[in-house]
């Protein structure tokens, strides 16, 4: 199935677990590289959609440099957040994988005045 970009105002919330882990290639046991040759990392985050709905997911991040995330912080995507629907083996419902192509930057706090 094809990937599609999510709305640019979609944010990621990192909870207490701000761990950034390189994805390992099963065959070579080396860090996995994307088709572009960039390393792939994974994070656990809540995806906050512009309509207010939230979903928790493991998200792959494709970026040239390793990075550190602060716990309990909301991040904006500086690049593209893409979703790819797929049908897991033996499943009777569609699952979705998420990838960030670019960087994550702390989101500006919302003004409540």
PDB file of N, CA and C in Angstrom:
ATOM      1  N   UNK A   1       0.836  -1.181   0.000  1.00  0.00           N
ATOM      2  CA  UNK A   1       0.000   0.000   0.000  1.00  0.00           C
ATOM      3  C   UNK A   1       0.882   1.246   0.000  1.00  0.00           C
ATOM      4  N   UNK A   2       0.339   2.316  -0.473  1.00  0.00           N
ATOM      5  CA  UNK A   2       1.090   3.562  -0.579  1.00  0.00           C
ATOM      6  C   UNK A   2       1.089   4.330   0.739  1.00  0.00           C
ATOM      7  N   UNK A   3       2.147   5.102   0.960  1.00  0.00           N
ATOM      8  CA  UNK A   3       2.239   5.982   2.125  1.00  0.00           C
ATOM      9  C   UNK A   3       1.578   7.305   1.795  1.00  0.00           C
ATOM     10  N   UNK A   4       1.144   8.010   2.829  1.00  0.00           N
ATOM     11  CA  UNK A   4       0.608   9.342   2.615  1.00  0.00           C
ATOM     12  C   UNK A   4       1.062  10.245   3.754  1.00  0.00           C
ATOM     13  N   UNK A   5       1.300  11.513   3.435  1.00  0.00           N
ATOM     14  CA  UNK A   5       1.744  12.486   4.430  1.00  0.00           C
ATOM     15  C   UNK A   5       0.570  12.914   5.292  1.00  0.00           C
ATOM     16  N   UNK A   6       0.819  13.063   6.583  1.00  0.00           N
ATOM     17  CA  UNK A   6      -0.207  13.536   7.498  1.00  0.00           C
ATOM     18  C   UNK A   6      -0.177  15.059   7.548  1.00  0.00           C
ATOM     19  N   UNK A   7      -1.216  15.644   8.096  1.00  0.00           N
ATOM     20  CA  UNK A   7      -1.354  17.094   8.183  1.00  0.00           C
ATOM     21  C   UNK A   7      -0.112  17.689   8.860  1.00  0.00           C
ATOM     22  N   UNK A   8       0.436  18.786   8.324  1.00  0.00           N
ATOM     23  CA  UNK A   8       1.662  19.361   8.889  1.00  0.00           C
ATOM     24  C   UNK A   8       1.531  19.858  10.330  1.00  0.00           C
ATOM     25  N   UNK A   9       0.303  20.071  10.808  1.00  0.00           N
ATOM     26  CA  UNK A   9       0.115  20.516  12.190  1.00  0.00           C
ATOM     27  C   UNK A   9       0.027  19.355  13.178  1.00  0.00           C
ATOM     28  N   UNK A  10       0.174  18.115  12.699  1.00  0.00           N
ATOM     29  CA  UNK A  10       0.175  16.953  13.575  1.00  0.00           C
ATOM     30  C   UNK A  10       1.419  17.016  14.459  1.00  0.00           C
ATOM     31  N   UNK A  11       1.248  16.784  15.758  1.00  0.00           N
ATOM     32  CA  UNK A  11       2.341  16.863  16.723  1.00  0.00           C
ATOM     33  C   UNK A  11       2.609  15.486  17.323  1.00  0.00           C
ATOM     34  N   UNK A  12       3.789  15.339  17.908  1.00  0.00           N
ATOM     35  CA  UNK A  12       4.149  14.121  18.623  1.00  0.00           C
ATOM     36  C   UNK A  12       4.387  14.473  20.082  1.00  0.00           C
ATOM     37  N   UNK A  13       3.835  13.681  20.991  1.00  0.00           N
ATOM     38  CA  UNK A  13       4.078  13.887  22.422  1.00  0.00           C
ATOM     39  C   UNK A  13       4.905  12.727  22.922  1.00  0.00           C
ATOM     40  N   UNK A  14       6.058  13.051  23.500  1.00  0.00           N
ATOM     41  CA  UNK A  14       6.923  12.040  24.083  1.00  0.00           C
ATOM     42  C   UNK A  14       6.582  11.957  25.557  1.00  0.00           C
ATOM     43  N   UNK A  15       6.227  10.784  26.034  1.00  0.00           N
ATOM     44  CA  UNK A  15       5.877  10.594  27.439  1.00  0.00           C
ATOM     45  C   UNK A  15       7.112  10.436  28.303  1.00  0.00           C
ATOM     46  N   UNK A  16       7.001   9.623  29.355  1.00  0.00           N
ATOM     47  CA  UNK A  16       8.113   9.420  30.285  1.00  0.00           C
ATOM     48  C   UNK A  16       9.283   8.697  29.615  1.00  0.00           C
ATOM     49  N   UNK A  17       8.995   7.838  28.617  1.00  0.00           N
ATOM     50  CA  UNK A  17      10.044   7.089  27.921  1.00  0.00           C
ATOM     51  C   UNK A  17      10.493   7.874  26.698  1.00  0.00           C
ATOM     52  N   UNK A  18      11.623   8.577  26.830  1.00  0.00           N
ATOM     53  CA  UNK A  18      12.142   9.397  25.725  1.00  0.00           C
ATOM     54  C   UNK A  18      13.301   8.691  25.023  1.00  0.00           C
ATOM     55  N   UNK A  19      13.303   7.362  25.056  1.00  0.00           N
ATOM     56  CA  UNK A  19      14.385   6.591  24.471  1.00  0.00           C
ATOM     57  C   UNK A  19      14.366   6.661  22.946  1.00  0.00           C
ATOM     58  N   UNK A  20      15.531   6.915  22.359  1.00  0.00           N
ATOM     59  CA  UNK A  20      15.714   6.888  20.907  1.00  0.00           C
ATOM     60  C   UNK A  20      16.623   5.699  20.624  1.00  0.00           C
ATOM     61  N   UNK A  21      16.126   4.738  19.834  1.00  0.00           N
ATOM     62  CA  UNK A  21      16.861   3.501  19.586  1.00  0.00           C
ATOM     63  C   UNK A  21      17.132   3.323  18.097  1.00  0.00           C
ATOM     64  N   UNK A  22      18.387   3.021  17.713  1.00  0.00           N
ATOM     65  CA  UNK A  22      18.640   2.707  16.303  1.00  0.00           C
ATOM     66  C   UNK A  22      17.933   1.400  15.932  1.00  0.00           C
ATOM     67  N   UNK A  23      17.341   1.352  14.758  1.00  0.00           N
ATOM     68  CA  UNK A  23      16.701   0.117  14.278  1.00  0.00           C
ATOM     69  C   UNK A  23      17.800  -0.770  13.703  1.00  0.00           C
ATOM     70  N   UNK A  24      17.802  -2.050  14.102  1.00  0.00           N
ATOM     71  CA  UNK A  24      18.833  -2.988  13.656  1.00  0.00           C
ATOM     72  C   UNK A  24      18.314  -3.864  12.534  1.00  0.00           C
ATOM     73  N   UNK A  25      19.116  -4.039  11.504  1.00  0.00           N
ATOM     74  CA  UNK A  25      18.797  -4.933  10.396  1.00  0.00           C
ATOM     75  C   UNK A  25      18.965  -6.371  10.883  1.00  0.00           C
ATOM     76  N   UNK A  26      17.912  -7.197  10.787  1.00  0.00           N
ATOM     77  CA  UNK A  26      17.977  -8.580  11.277  1.00  0.00           C
ATOM     78  C   UNK A  26      19.077  -9.388  10.601  1.00  0.00           C
ATOM     79  N   UNK A  27      19.259  -9.214   9.304  1.00  0.00           N
ATOM     80  CA  UNK A  27      20.212 -10.028   8.545  1.00  0.00           C
ATOM     81  C   UNK A  27      21.661  -9.680   8.878  1.00  0.00           C
ATOM     82  N   UNK A  28      21.974  -8.392   8.939  1.00  0.00           N
ATOM     83  CA  UNK A  28      23.371  -7.980   9.107  1.00  0.00           C
ATOM     84  C   UNK A  28      23.729  -7.630  10.553  1.00  0.00           C
ATOM     85  N   UNK A  29      22.729  -7.437  11.394  1.00  0.00           N
ATOM     86  CA  UNK A  29      22.911  -6.993  12.784  1.00  0.00           C
ATOM     87  C   UNK A  29      23.546  -5.602  12.872  1.00  0.00           C
ATOM     88  N   UNK A  30      23.517  -4.862  11.784  1.00  0.00           N
ATOM     89  CA  UNK A  30      24.024  -3.493  11.726  1.00  0.00           C
ATOM     90  C   UNK A  30      22.850  -2.521  11.774  1.00  0.00           C
ATOM     91  N   UNK A  31      23.108  -1.239  12.091  1.00  0.00           N
ATOM     92  CA  UNK A  31      22.009  -0.271  12.057  1.00  0.00           C
ATOM     93  C   UNK A  31      21.354  -0.234  10.676  1.00  0.00           C
ATOM     94  N   UNK A  32      20.020  -0.223  10.666  1.00  0.00           N
ATOM     95  CA  UNK A  32      19.267  -0.218   9.412  1.00  0.00           C
ATOM     96  C   UNK A  32      19.354   1.155   8.751  1.00  0.00           C
ATOM     97  N   UNK A  33      19.469   1.139   7.425  1.00  0.00           N
ATOM     98  CA  UNK A  33      19.465   2.371   6.644  1.00  0.00           C
ATOM     99  C   UNK A  33      18.221   2.419   5.779  1.00  0.00           C
ATOM    100  N   UNK A  34      17.682   3.633   5.598  1.00  0.00           N
ATOM    101  CA  UNK A  34      16.538   3.842   4.723  1.00  0.00           C
ATOM    102  C   UNK A  34      17.008   3.740   3.272  1.00  0.00           C
ATOM    103  N   UNK A  35      16.065   3.733   2.326  1.00  0.00           N
ATOM    104  CA  UNK A  35      16.415   3.690   0.903  1.00  0.00           C
ATOM    105  C   UNK A  35      17.317   4.847   0.504  1.00  0.00           C
ATOM    106  N   UNK A  36      17.220   5.953   1.232  1.00  0.00           N
ATOM    107  CA  UNK A  36      18.054   7.131   0.944  1.00  0.00           C
ATOM    108  C   UNK A  36      19.458   7.013   1.523  1.00  0.00           C
ATOM    109  N   UNK A  37      19.705   5.957   2.305  1.00  0.00           N
ATOM    110  CA  UNK A  37      21.010   5.762   2.924  1.00  0.00           C
ATOM    111  C   UNK A  37      21.138   6.377   4.306  1.00  0.00           C
ATOM    112  N   UNK A  38      20.058   6.974   4.825  1.00  0.00           N
ATOM    113  CA  UNK A  38      20.082   7.577   6.152  1.00  0.00           C
ATOM    114  C   UNK A  38      19.728   6.548   7.225  1.00  0.00           C
ATOM    115  N   UNK A  39      20.278   6.683   8.436  1.00  0.00           N
ATOM    116  CA  UNK A  39      19.957   5.734   9.508  1.00  0.00           C
ATOM    117  C   UNK A  39      18.509   5.865   9.976  1.00  0.00           C
ATOM    118  N   UNK A  40      17.975   4.755  10.497  1.00  0.00           N
ATOM    119  CA  UNK A  40      16.595   4.698  10.977  1.00  0.00           C
ATOM    120  C   UNK A  40      16.617   4.514  12.495  1.00  0.00           C
ATOM    121  N   UNK A  41      15.862   5.363  13.200  1.00  0.00           N
ATOM    122  CA  UNK A  41      15.725   5.290  14.649  1.00  0.00           C
ATOM    123  C   UNK A  41      14.260   5.035  14.973  1.00  0.00           C
ATOM    124  N   UNK A  42      13.974   4.561  16.192  1.00  0.00           N
ATOM    125  CA  UNK A  42      12.573   4.397  16.587  1.00  0.00           C
ATOM    126  C   UNK A  42      12.335   5.047  17.938  1.00  0.00           C
ATOM    127  N   UNK A  43      11.112   5.584  18.079  1.00  0.00           N
ATOM    128  CA  UNK A  43      10.684   6.238  19.304  1.00  0.00           C
ATOM    129  C   UNK A  43       9.255   5.788  19.606  1.00  0.00           C
ATOM    130  N   UNK A  44       8.852   5.916  20.855  1.00  0.00           N
ATOM    131  CA  UNK A  44       7.457   5.697  21.241  1.00  0.00           C
ATOM    132  C   UNK A  44       6.844   7.060  21.511  1.00  0.00           C
ATOM    133  N   UNK A  45       5.698   7.323  20.905  1.00  0.00           N
ATOM    134  CA  UNK A  45       5.090   8.648  21.052  1.00  0.00           C
ATOM    135  C   UNK A  45       3.578   8.574  20.868  1.00  0.00           C
ATOM    136  N   UNK A  46       2.913   9.593  21.398  1.00  0.00           N
ATOM    137  CA  UNK A  46       1.500   9.809  21.105  1.00  0.00           C
ATOM    138  C   UNK A  46       1.440  10.751  19.913  1.00  0.00           C
ATOM    139  N   UNK A  47       0.660  10.382  18.909  1.00  0.00           N
ATOM    140  CA  UNK A  47       0.468  11.244  17.745  1.00  0.00           C
ATOM    141  C   UNK A  47      -0.797  12.058  18.007  1.00  0.00           C
ATOM    142  N   UNK A  48      -0.641  13.379  18.010  1.00  0.00           N
ATOM    143  CA  UNK A  48      -1.771  14.273  18.281  1.00  0.00           C
ATOM    144  C   UNK A  48      -2.191  14.899  16.965  1.00  0.00           C
ATOM    145  N   UNK A  49      -3.359  14.496  16.473  1.00  0.00           N
ATOM    146  CA  UNK A  49      -3.861  14.987  15.201  1.00  0.00           C
ATOM    147  C   UNK A  49      -4.542  16.339  15.389  1.00  0.00           C
ATOM    148  N   UNK A  50      -4.619  17.165  14.337  1.00  0.00           N
ATOM    149  CA  UNK A  50      -5.224  18.498  14.457  1.00  0.00           C
ATOM    150  C   UNK A  50      -6.667  18.487  14.974  1.00  0.00           C
ATOM    151  N   UNK A  51      -7.403  17.387  14.761  1.00  0.00           N
ATOM    152  CA  UNK A  51      -8.788  17.332  15.250  1.00  0.00           C
ATOM    153  C   UNK A  51      -8.870  16.981  16.736  1.00  0.00           C
ATOM    154  N   UNK A  52      -7.707  16.770  17.386  1.00  0.00           N
ATOM    155  CA  UNK A  52      -7.674  16.464  18.815  1.00  0.00           C
ATOM    156  C   UNK A  52      -7.580  14.987  19.134  1.00  0.00           C
ATOM    157  N   UNK A  53      -7.748  14.120  18.144  1.00  0.00           N
ATOM    158  CA  UNK A  53      -7.627  12.684  18.411  1.00  0.00           C
ATOM    159  C   UNK A  53      -6.159  12.320  18.625  1.00  0.00           C
ATOM    160  N   UNK A  54      -5.942  11.254  19.396  1.00  0.00           N
ATOM    161  CA  UNK A  54      -4.595  10.836  19.764  1.00  0.00           C
ATOM    162  C   UNK A  54      -4.469   9.331  19.589  1.00  0.00           C
ATOM    163  N   UNK A  55      -3.304   8.890  19.092  1.00  0.00           N
ATOM    164  CA  UNK A  55      -3.014   7.468  19.025  1.00  0.00           C
ATOM    165  C   UNK A  55      -1.569   7.252  19.449  1.00  0.00           C
ATOM    166  N   UNK A  56      -1.314   6.158  20.149  1.00  0.00           N
ATOM    167  CA  UNK A  56       0.047   5.838  20.587  1.00  0.00           C
ATOM    168  C   UNK A  56       0.665   4.875  19.581  1.00  0.00           C
ATOM    169  N   UNK A  57       1.934   5.091  19.246  1.00  0.00           N
ATOM    170  CA  UNK A  57       2.584   4.237  18.258  1.00  0.00           C
ATOM    171  C   UNK A  57       4.098   4.288  18.416  1.00  0.00           C
ATOM    172  N   UNK A  58       4.747   3.245  17.908  1.00  0.00           N
ATOM    173  CA  UNK A  58       6.188   3.288  17.723  1.00  0.00           C
ATOM    174  C   UNK A  58       6.411   3.915  16.355  1.00  0.00           C
ATOM    175  N   UNK A  59       7.242   4.940  16.298  1.00  0.00           N
ATOM    176  CA  UNK A  59       7.440   5.709  15.077  1.00  0.00           C
ATOM    177  C   UNK A  59       8.896   5.603  14.656  1.00  0.00           C
ATOM    178  N   UNK A  60       9.119   5.337  13.386  1.00  0.00           N
ATOM    179  CA  UNK A  60      10.478   5.325  12.857  1.00  0.00           C
ATOM    180  C   UNK A  60      10.831   6.727  12.405  1.00  0.00           C
ATOM    181  N   UNK A  61      12.055   7.149  12.716  1.00  0.00           N
ATOM    182  CA  UNK A  61      12.529   8.480  12.356  1.00  0.00           C
ATOM    183  C   UNK A  61      13.750   8.317  11.463  1.00  0.00           C
ATOM    184  N   UNK A  62      13.681   8.878  10.266  1.00  0.00           N
ATOM    185  CA  UNK A  62      14.782   8.811   9.308  1.00  0.00           C
ATOM    186  C   UNK A  62      15.434  10.185   9.287  1.00  0.00           C
ATOM    187  N   UNK A  63      16.649  10.259   9.799  1.00  0.00           N
ATOM    188  CA  UNK A  63      17.372  11.532   9.871  1.00  0.00           C
ATOM    189  C   UNK A  63      18.862  11.252   9.854  1.00  0.00           C
ATOM    190  N   UNK A  64      19.653  12.217   9.420  1.00  0.00           N
ATOM    191  CA  UNK A  64      21.077  11.944   9.238  1.00  0.00           C
ATOM    192  C   UNK A  64      21.843  11.837  10.545  1.00  0.00           C
ATOM    193  N   UNK A  65      21.375  12.461  11.613  1.00  0.00           N
ATOM    194  CA  UNK A  65      22.108  12.462  12.878  1.00  0.00           C
ATOM    195  C   UNK A  65      21.268  11.855  14.000  1.00  0.00           C
ATOM    196  N   UNK A  66      21.952  11.191  14.937  1.00  0.00           N
ATOM    197  CA  UNK A  66      21.270  10.704  16.130  1.00  0.00           C
ATOM    198  C   UNK A  66      20.761  11.914  16.911  1.00  0.00           C
ATOM    199  N   UNK A  67      19.761  11.724  17.743  1.00  0.00           N
ATOM    200  CA  UNK A  67      19.155  12.838  18.456  1.00  0.00           C
ATOM    201  C   UNK A  67      18.703  12.396  19.831  1.00  0.00           C
ATOM    202  N   UNK A  68      18.421  13.352  20.692  1.00  0.00           N
ATOM    203  CA  UNK A  68      17.954  13.096  22.054  1.00  0.00           C
ATOM    204  C   UNK A  68      16.619  13.816  22.213  1.00  0.00           C
ATOM    205  N   UNK A  69      15.664  13.151  22.870  1.00  0.00           N
ATOM    206  CA  UNK A  69      14.359  13.757  23.129  1.00  0.00           C
ATOM    207  C   UNK A  69      14.181  13.978  24.627  1.00  0.00           C
ATOM    208  N   UNK A  70      13.483  15.031  24.973  1.00  0.00           N
ATOM    209  CA  UNK A  70      13.162  15.300  26.371  1.00  0.00           C
ATOM    210  C   UNK A  70      11.852  14.604  26.726  1.00  0.00           C
ATOM    211  N   UNK A  71      11.777  13.970  27.905  1.00  0.00           N
ATOM    212  CA  UNK A  71      10.512  13.343  28.298  1.00  0.00           C
ATOM    213  C   UNK A  71       9.427  14.389  28.555  1.00  0.00           C
ATOM    214  N   UNK A  72       8.196  13.956  28.377  1.00  0.00           N
ATOM    215  CA  UNK A  72       7.007  14.785  28.616  1.00  0.00           C
ATOM    216  C   UNK A  72       7.047  16.105  27.848  1.00  0.00           C
ATOM    217  N   UNK A  73       7.396  15.984  26.571  1.00  0.00           N
ATOM    218  CA  UNK A  73       7.515  17.170  25.713  1.00  0.00           C
ATOM    219  C   UNK A  73       6.774  16.930  24.403  1.00  0.00           C
ATOM    220  N   UNK A  74       6.134  17.980  23.906  1.00  0.00           N
ATOM    221  CA  UNK A  74       5.450  17.917  22.609  1.00  0.00           C
ATOM    222  C   UNK A  74       6.413  18.397  21.529  1.00  0.00           C
ATOM    223  N   UNK A  75       6.439  17.681  20.405  1.00  0.00           N
ATOM    224  CA  UNK A  75       7.348  17.997  19.306  1.00  0.00           C
ATOM    225  C   UNK A  75       6.584  18.237  18.013  1.00  0.00           C
ATOM    226  N   UNK A  76       7.110  19.158  17.217  1.00  0.00           N
ATOM    227  CA  UNK A  76       6.616  19.394  15.863  1.00  0.00           C
ATOM    228  C   UNK A  76       7.562  18.689  14.901  1.00  0.00           C
ATOM    229  N   UNK A  77       7.020  18.212  13.795  1.00  0.00           N
ATOM    230  CA  UNK A  77       7.829  17.548  12.779  1.00  0.00           C
ATOM    231  C   UNK A  77       8.359  18.594  11.816  1.00  0.00           C
ATOM    232  N   UNK A  78       9.674  18.628  11.663  1.00  0.00           N
ATOM    233  CA  UNK A  78      10.321  19.508  10.680  1.00  0.00           C
ATOM    234  C   UNK A  78      10.694  18.619   9.504  1.00  0.00           C
ATOM    235  N   UNK A  79       9.735  18.371   8.661  1.00  0.00           N
ATOM    236  CA  UNK A  79       9.872  17.444   7.547  1.00  0.00           C
ATOM    237  C   UNK A  79       8.502  16.865   7.256  1.00  0.00           C
ATOM    238  N   UNK A  80       8.422  15.551   7.093  1.00  0.00           N
ATOM    239  CA  UNK A  80       7.151  14.890   6.772  1.00  0.00           C
ATOM    240  C   UNK A  80       6.898  13.750   7.745  1.00  0.00           C
ATOM    241  N   UNK A  81       5.679  13.693   8.264  1.00  0.00           N
ATOM    242  CA  UNK A  81       5.205  12.541   9.033  1.00  0.00           C
ATOM    243  C   UNK A  81       4.308  11.752   8.099  1.00  0.00           C
ATOM    244  N   UNK A  82       4.717  10.527   7.767  1.00  0.00           N
ATOM    245  CA  UNK A  82       3.977   9.712   6.795  1.00  0.00           C
ATOM    246  C   UNK A  82       3.358   8.494   7.477  1.00  0.00           C
ATOM    247  N   UNK A  83       2.203   8.100   6.990  1.00  0.00           N
ATOM    248  CA  UNK A  83       1.509   6.907   7.465  1.00  0.00           C
ATOM    249  C   UNK A  83       1.429   5.906   6.323  1.00  0.00           C
ATOM    250  N   UNK A  84       1.660   4.631   6.646  1.00  0.00           N
ATOM    251  CA  UNK A  84       1.555   3.564   5.655  1.00  0.00           C
ATOM    252  C   UNK A  84       0.639   2.480   6.204  1.00  0.00           C
ATOM    253  N   UNK A  85      -0.560   2.328   5.649  1.00  0.00           N
ATOM    254  CA  UNK A  85      -1.438   1.245   6.088  1.00  0.00           C
ATOM    255  C   UNK A  85      -0.940  -0.090   5.533  1.00  0.00           C
ATOM    256  N   UNK A  86      -1.120  -1.152   6.318  1.00  0.00           N
ATOM    257  CA  UNK A  86      -0.734  -2.488   5.854  1.00  0.00           C
ATOM    258  C   UNK A  86      -1.618  -3.527   6.544  1.00  0.00           C
ATOM    259  N   UNK A  87      -1.629  -4.719   6.005  1.00  0.00           N
ATOM    260  CA  UNK A  87      -2.404  -5.816   6.557  1.00  0.00           C
ATOM    261  C   UNK A  87      -1.439  -6.836   7.151  1.00  0.00           C
ATOM    262  N   UNK A  88      -1.338  -6.908   8.484  1.00  0.00           N
ATOM    263  CA  UNK A  88      -0.431  -7.877   9.097  1.00  0.00           C
ATOM    264  C   UNK A  88      -0.841  -9.307   8.744  1.00  0.00           C
ATOM    265  N   UNK A  89       0.119 -10.224   8.739  1.00  0.00           N
ATOM    266  CA  UNK A  89      -0.168 -11.631   8.438  1.00  0.00           C
ATOM    267  C   UNK A  89      -1.259 -12.172   9.354  1.00  0.00           C
ATOM    268  N   UNK A  90      -2.274 -12.740   8.778  1.00  0.00           N
ATOM    269  CA  UNK A  90      -3.354 -13.371   9.523  1.00  0.00           C
ATOM    270  C   UNK A  90      -4.305 -12.401  10.199  1.00  0.00           C
ATOM    271  N   UNK A  91      -4.122 -11.119  10.011  1.00  0.00           N
ATOM    272  CA  UNK A  91      -4.989 -10.145  10.674  1.00  0.00           C
ATOM    273  C   UNK A  91      -6.229  -9.873   9.840  1.00  0.00           C
ATOM    274  N   UNK A  92      -7.294  -9.467  10.511  1.00  0.00           N
ATOM    275  CA  UNK A  92      -8.514  -9.133   9.799  1.00  0.00           C
ATOM    276  C   UNK A  92      -8.818  -7.630   9.857  1.00  0.00           C
ATOM    277  N   UNK A  93      -7.799  -6.851  10.223  1.00  0.00           N
ATOM    278  CA  UNK A  93      -7.961  -5.397  10.211  1.00  0.00           C
ATOM    279  C   UNK A  93      -6.653  -4.749   9.762  1.00  0.00           C
ATOM    280  N   UNK A  94      -6.754  -3.540   9.281  1.00  0.00           N
ATOM    281  CA  UNK A  94      -5.595  -2.818   8.764  1.00  0.00           C
ATOM    282  C   UNK A  94      -4.842  -2.171   9.918  1.00  0.00           C
ATOM    283  N   UNK A  95      -3.520  -2.269   9.875  1.00  0.00           N
ATOM    284  CA  UNK A  95      -2.641  -1.576  10.825  1.00  0.00           C
ATOM    285  C   UNK A  95      -1.961  -0.429  10.084  1.00  0.00           C
ATOM    286  N   UNK A  96      -1.321   0.455  10.830  1.00  0.00           N
ATOM    287  CA  UNK A  96      -0.646   1.596  10.212  1.00  0.00           C
ATOM    288  C   UNK A  96       0.726   1.764  10.836  1.00  0.00           C
ATOM    289  N   UNK A  97       1.732   1.968   9.984  1.00  0.00           N
ATOM    290  CA  UNK A  97       3.061   2.301  10.489  1.00  0.00           C
ATOM    291  C   UNK A  97       3.320   3.774  10.189  1.00  0.00           C
ATOM    292  N   UNK A  98       4.112   4.406  11.045  1.00  0.00           N
ATOM    293  CA  UNK A  98       4.387   5.831  10.916  1.00  0.00           C
ATOM    294  C   UNK A  98       5.888   6.061  10.793  1.00  0.00           C
ATOM    295  N   UNK A  99       6.271   7.001   9.923  1.00  0.00           N
ATOM    296  CA  UNK A  99       7.672   7.381   9.758  1.00  0.00           C
ATOM    297  C   UNK A  99       7.777   8.898   9.688  1.00  0.00           C
ATOM    298  N   UNK A 100       8.833   9.412  10.307  1.00  0.00           N
ATOM    299  CA  UNK A 100       9.180  10.826  10.192  1.00  0.00           C
ATOM    300  C   UNK A 100      10.387  10.916   9.287  1.00  0.00           C
ATOM    301  N   UNK A 101      10.269  11.718   8.247  1.00  0.00           N
ATOM    302  CA  UNK A 101      11.395  12.016   7.362  1.00  0.00           C
ATOM    303  C   UNK A 101      11.823  13.439   7.687  1.00  0.00           C
ATOM    304  N   UNK A 102      12.837  13.589   8.512  1.00  0.00           N
ATOM    305  CA  UNK A 102      13.283  14.914   8.919  1.00  0.00           C
ATOM    306  C   UNK A 102      13.625  14.935  10.390  1.00  0.00           C
ATOM    307  N   UNK A 103      13.379  16.072  11.021  1.00  0.00           N
ATOM    308  CA  UNK A 103      13.759  16.265  12.415  1.00  0.00           C
ATOM    309  C   UNK A 103      12.542  16.576  13.274  1.00  0.00           C
ATOM    310  N   UNK A 104      12.743  16.456  14.585  1.00  0.00           N
ATOM    311  CA  UNK A 104      11.722  16.818  15.557  1.00  0.00           C
ATOM    312  C   UNK A 104      12.229  18.023  16.348  1.00  0.00           C
ATOM    313  N   UNK A 105      11.378  19.015  16.521  1.00  0.00           N
ATOM    314  CA  UNK A 105      11.730  20.213  17.285  1.00  0.00           C
ATOM    315  C   UNK A 105      10.645  20.443  18.332  1.00  0.00           C
ATOM    316  N   UNK A 106      11.035  20.873  19.542  1.00  0.00           N
ATOM    317  CA  UNK A 106      10.006  21.142  20.552  1.00  0.00           C
ATOM    318  C   UNK A 106       8.951  22.104  19.991  1.00  0.00           C
ATOM    319  N   UNK A 107       7.685  21.744  20.203  1.00  0.00           N
ATOM    320  CA  UNK A 107       6.581  22.579  19.706  1.00  0.00           C
ATOM    321  C   UNK A 107       6.441  23.805  20.599  1.00  0.00           C
ATOM    322  N   UNK A 108       6.015  24.890  20.002  1.00  0.00           N
ATOM    323  CA  UNK A 108       5.767  26.092  20.790  1.00  0.00           C
ATOM    324  C   UNK A 108       4.534  25.860  21.633  1.00  0.00           C
ATOM    325  N   UNK A 109       4.564  26.284  22.899  1.00  0.00           N
ATOM    326  CA  UNK A 109       3.369  26.091  23.738  1.00  0.00           C
ATOM    327  C   UNK A 109       2.192  26.908  23.197  1.00  0.00           C
ATOM    328  N   UNK A 110       1.002  26.375  23.400  1.00  0.00           N
ATOM    329  CA  UNK A 110      -0.192  27.071  22.959  1.00  0.00           C
ATOM    330  C   UNK A 110      -0.497  28.222  23.897  1.00  0.00           C
ATOM    331  N   UNK A 111      -0.925  29.351  23.357  1.00  0.00           N
ATOM    332  CA  UNK A 111      -1.302  30.491  24.167  1.00  0.00           C
ATOM    333  C   UNK A 111      -2.748  30.336  24.593  1.00  0.00           C
ATOM    334  N   UNK A 112      -3.029  30.596  25.853  1.00  0.00           N
ATOM    335  CA  UNK A 112      -4.390  30.437  26.359  1.00  0.00           C
ATOM    336  C   UNK A 112      -5.021  31.768  26.730  1.00  0.00           C
ATOM    337  N   UNK A 113      -4.436  32.866  26.305  1.00  0.00           N
ATOM    338  CA  UNK A 113      -4.979  34.202  26.643  1.00  0.00           C
ATOM    339  C   UNK A 113      -6.141  34.567  25.783  1.00  0.00           C
TER     340      UNK A 113
END
